[in-house]
Amino acid sequence: MRTAALALTFAVLAAAPALAAPPSDTDAAALRVLAAEADKAWNAADVDGMAAYYAPDATLQVTDRGDQFVGRETIRRYFGEAFARRPGVFRHITEIRRMDAVAPGLVFTDADVRVEQQQADGSWKLVRAFGNVSVAARDGQGWKLRAVRAWPVS
């Protein structure tokens, strides 16, 4: 699975200069807000809030599990189960590295994601790091995640 996700990422990125352009400044800012707000919902274990950032027909794949979740309701259940298993306080940090507008109202992003757990002394310890590629689609005046692929890098 990881190899397929990486191959797709490299294929899209290789074609990106010929097919894509940076999103507008307004769209780039809105997509960074989407990532930050999704991180906040994840940190708060807000199942409904997290699911709301996904399009109704979105897909999510976390390759260390090998599962693909199709549709907002299925994704919502995945987050509910994942959040219920979380011991302690965690935070999710997304750093978008690149954005390419591949069609009107459609943006491809690649990002680094860290999951950290708060320690007894208040410090944060890295638990997992992920590579992430996503496709976001304009939804009215805002943006929704249409496809998210994440794979562990540590």
Protein backbone atom coordinates (compact mmCIF):
# COMPACT_ATOMS: atom_id res chain seq x y z
CA MET A 1 0.00 0.00 0.00
CA ARG A 2 2.72 2.46 0.98
CA THR A 3 4.58 1.83 -2.28
CA ALA A 4 1.43 2.48 -4.31
CA ALA A 5 0.71 5.70 -2.43
CA LEU A 6 4.27 6.90 -2.91
CA ALA A 7 4.23 5.97 -6.61
CA LEU A 8 0.99 7.91 -7.10
CA THR A 9 2.41 10.89 -5.22
CA PHE A 10 5.56 10.95 -7.35
CA ALA A 11 3.58 10.53 -10.57
CA VAL A 12 1.27 13.42 -9.71
CA LEU A 13 4.13 15.63 -8.55
CA ALA A 14 6.16 14.84 -11.67
CA ALA A 15 3.24 15.87 -13.86
CA ALA A 16 2.34 18.87 -11.69
CA PRO A 17 4.54 21.46 -13.43
CA ALA A 18 2.83 20.73 -16.74
CA LEU A 19 -0.70 20.37 -15.35
CA ALA A 20 -0.92 22.52 -12.25
CA ALA A 21 -0.38 25.97 -10.91
CA PRO A 22 -0.35 27.31 -7.39
CA PRO A 23 -3.81 28.04 -6.02
CA SER A 24 -4.76 31.69 -5.59
CA ASP A 25 -3.55 33.35 -2.41
CA THR A 26 -7.14 33.34 -1.12
CA ASP A 27 -7.58 29.62 -1.80
CA ALA A 28 -4.16 28.77 -0.32
CA ALA A 29 -5.05 30.67 2.85
CA ALA A 30 -8.43 28.92 3.06
CA LEU A 31 -6.77 25.50 2.66
CA ARG A 32 -4.28 26.31 5.43
CA VAL A 33 -7.22 27.28 7.65
CA LEU A 34 -8.93 23.98 6.75
CA ALA A 35 -5.82 22.06 7.85
CA ALA A 36 -5.50 24.05 11.09
CA GLU A 37 -9.21 23.66 11.92
CA ALA A 38 -9.09 19.92 11.20
CA ASP A 39 -6.07 19.68 13.53
CA LYS A 40 -8.08 21.45 16.25
CA ALA A 41 -11.01 19.05 15.80
CA TRP A 42 -8.62 16.07 15.93
CA ASN A 43 -6.95 17.43 19.08
CA ALA A 44 -10.33 17.85 20.77
CA ALA A 45 -11.43 14.35 19.66
CA ASP A 46 -14.41 16.06 18.01
CA VAL A 47 -15.79 13.27 15.83
CA ASP A 48 -18.54 15.33 14.17
CA GLY A 49 -16.25 18.31 13.68
CA MET A 50 -13.58 16.14 12.09
CA ALA A 51 -16.04 14.43 9.75
CA ALA A 52 -17.46 17.80 8.68
CA TYR A 53 -14.18 18.63 6.90
CA TYR A 54 -14.73 15.72 4.49
CA ALA A 55 -16.94 15.73 1.39
CA PRO A 56 -19.91 13.33 1.52
CA ASP A 57 -18.17 10.96 -0.92
CA ALA A 58 -14.63 11.42 0.42
CA THR A 59 -12.11 8.66 0.89
CA LEU A 60 -9.53 8.27 3.66
CA GLN A 61 -6.73 5.76 3.74
CA VAL A 62 -4.20 5.38 6.55
CA THR A 63 -1.80 2.84 5.10
CA ASP A 64 -0.41 1.36 8.30
CA ARG A 65 -3.94 0.05 8.89
CA GLY A 66 -4.48 -0.81 5.24
CA ASP A 67 -8.12 0.23 5.47
CA GLN A 68 -9.84 2.63 3.14
CA PHE A 69 -12.83 4.50 4.49
CA VAL A 70 -15.35 5.64 1.90
CA GLY A 71 -17.95 8.31 2.60
CA ARG A 72 -18.24 10.90 5.35
CA GLU A 73 -20.26 8.64 7.68
CA THR A 74 -17.71 5.82 7.45
CA ILE A 75 -14.90 8.31 8.04
CA ARG A 76 -16.83 9.69 11.02
CA ARG A 77 -17.08 6.17 12.52
CA TYR A 78 -13.35 5.63 11.95
CA PHE A 79 -12.49 8.80 13.87
CA GLY A 80 -14.95 7.90 16.63
CA GLU A 81 -13.28 4.52 17.13
CA ALA A 82 -9.77 5.97 16.87
CA PHE A 83 -10.49 8.78 19.34
CA ALA A 84 -12.07 6.34 21.81
CA ARG A 85 -8.84 4.29 21.88
CA ARG A 86 -6.62 7.31 22.57
CA PRO A 87 -5.02 7.24 26.02
CA GLY A 88 -4.01 10.65 27.30
CA VAL A 89 -3.74 13.98 25.52
CA PHE A 90 -2.57 14.08 21.92
CA ARG A 91 -2.13 16.74 19.27
CA HIS A 92 -2.11 16.56 15.49
CA ILE A 93 0.09 19.03 13.59
CA THR A 94 -0.20 19.42 9.83
CA GLU A 95 2.44 21.31 7.86
CA ILE A 96 1.46 21.75 4.23
CA ARG A 97 4.56 21.62 2.03
CA ARG A 98 3.04 22.16 -1.40
CA MET A 99 -0.28 22.96 -3.03
CA ASP A 100 -1.16 22.61 -6.71
CA ALA A 101 -4.44 23.67 -8.29
CA VAL A 102 -4.99 20.79 -10.72
CA ALA A 103 -8.41 21.98 -11.97
CA PRO A 104 -10.79 24.80 -11.10
CA GLY A 105 -11.91 24.20 -7.53
CA LEU A 106 -9.59 21.20 -7.05
CA VAL A 107 -6.27 21.38 -5.18
CA PHE A 108 -3.70 18.67 -4.52
CA THR A 109 -1.66 19.09 -1.33
CA ASP A 110 1.21 17.26 0.23
CA ALA A 111 2.02 17.65 3.89
CA ASP A 112 3.96 16.38 6.85
CA VAL A 113 1.87 15.37 9.86
CA ARG A 114 3.05 14.79 13.42
CA VAL A 115 1.10 13.16 16.23
CA GLU A 116 2.45 14.05 19.65
CA GLN A 117 1.44 12.95 23.15
CA GLN A 118 1.59 15.24 26.16
CA GLN A 119 3.89 13.96 28.87
CA ALA A 120 3.39 14.21 32.63
CA ASP A 121 5.76 17.21 32.77
CA GLY A 122 3.71 19.06 30.10
CA SER A 123 6.20 18.47 27.28
CA TRP A 124 5.22 16.81 24.01
CA LYS A 125 6.67 13.55 22.66
CA LEU A 126 6.48 12.54 19.00
CA VAL A 127 4.41 9.36 18.71
CA ARG A 128 4.03 9.07 14.91
CA ALA A 129 4.92 11.02 11.82
CA PHE A 130 3.04 10.67 8.57
CA GLY A 131 3.39 11.73 4.98
CA ASN A 132 0.07 12.94 3.63
CA VAL A 133 -1.33 13.71 0.21
CA SER A 134 -4.82 15.09 -0.13
CA VAL A 135 -7.22 16.40 -2.70
CA ALA A 136 -9.48 19.23 -1.58
CA ALA A 137 -12.50 20.42 -3.56
CA ARG A 138 -14.31 23.72 -3.42
CA ASP A 139 -17.65 23.32 -1.68
CA GLY A 140 -19.66 26.50 -2.05
CA GLN A 141 -17.50 29.22 -0.53
CA GLY A 142 -15.32 26.76 1.40
CA TRP A 143 -13.28 23.61 0.88
CA LYS A 144 -13.77 19.94 1.76
CA LEU A 145 -11.36 17.04 1.72
CA ARG A 146 -12.19 14.62 -1.10
CA ALA A 147 -9.31 12.15 -0.83
CA VAL A 148 -6.72 11.76 1.93
CA ARG A 149 -3.85 9.28 1.92
CA ALA A 150 -1.52 9.07 4.92
CA TRP A 151 1.38 6.73 5.51
CA PRO A 152 3.66 6.45 8.53
CA VAL A 153 7.23 7.62 8.15
CA SER A 154 8.24 6.99 11.77
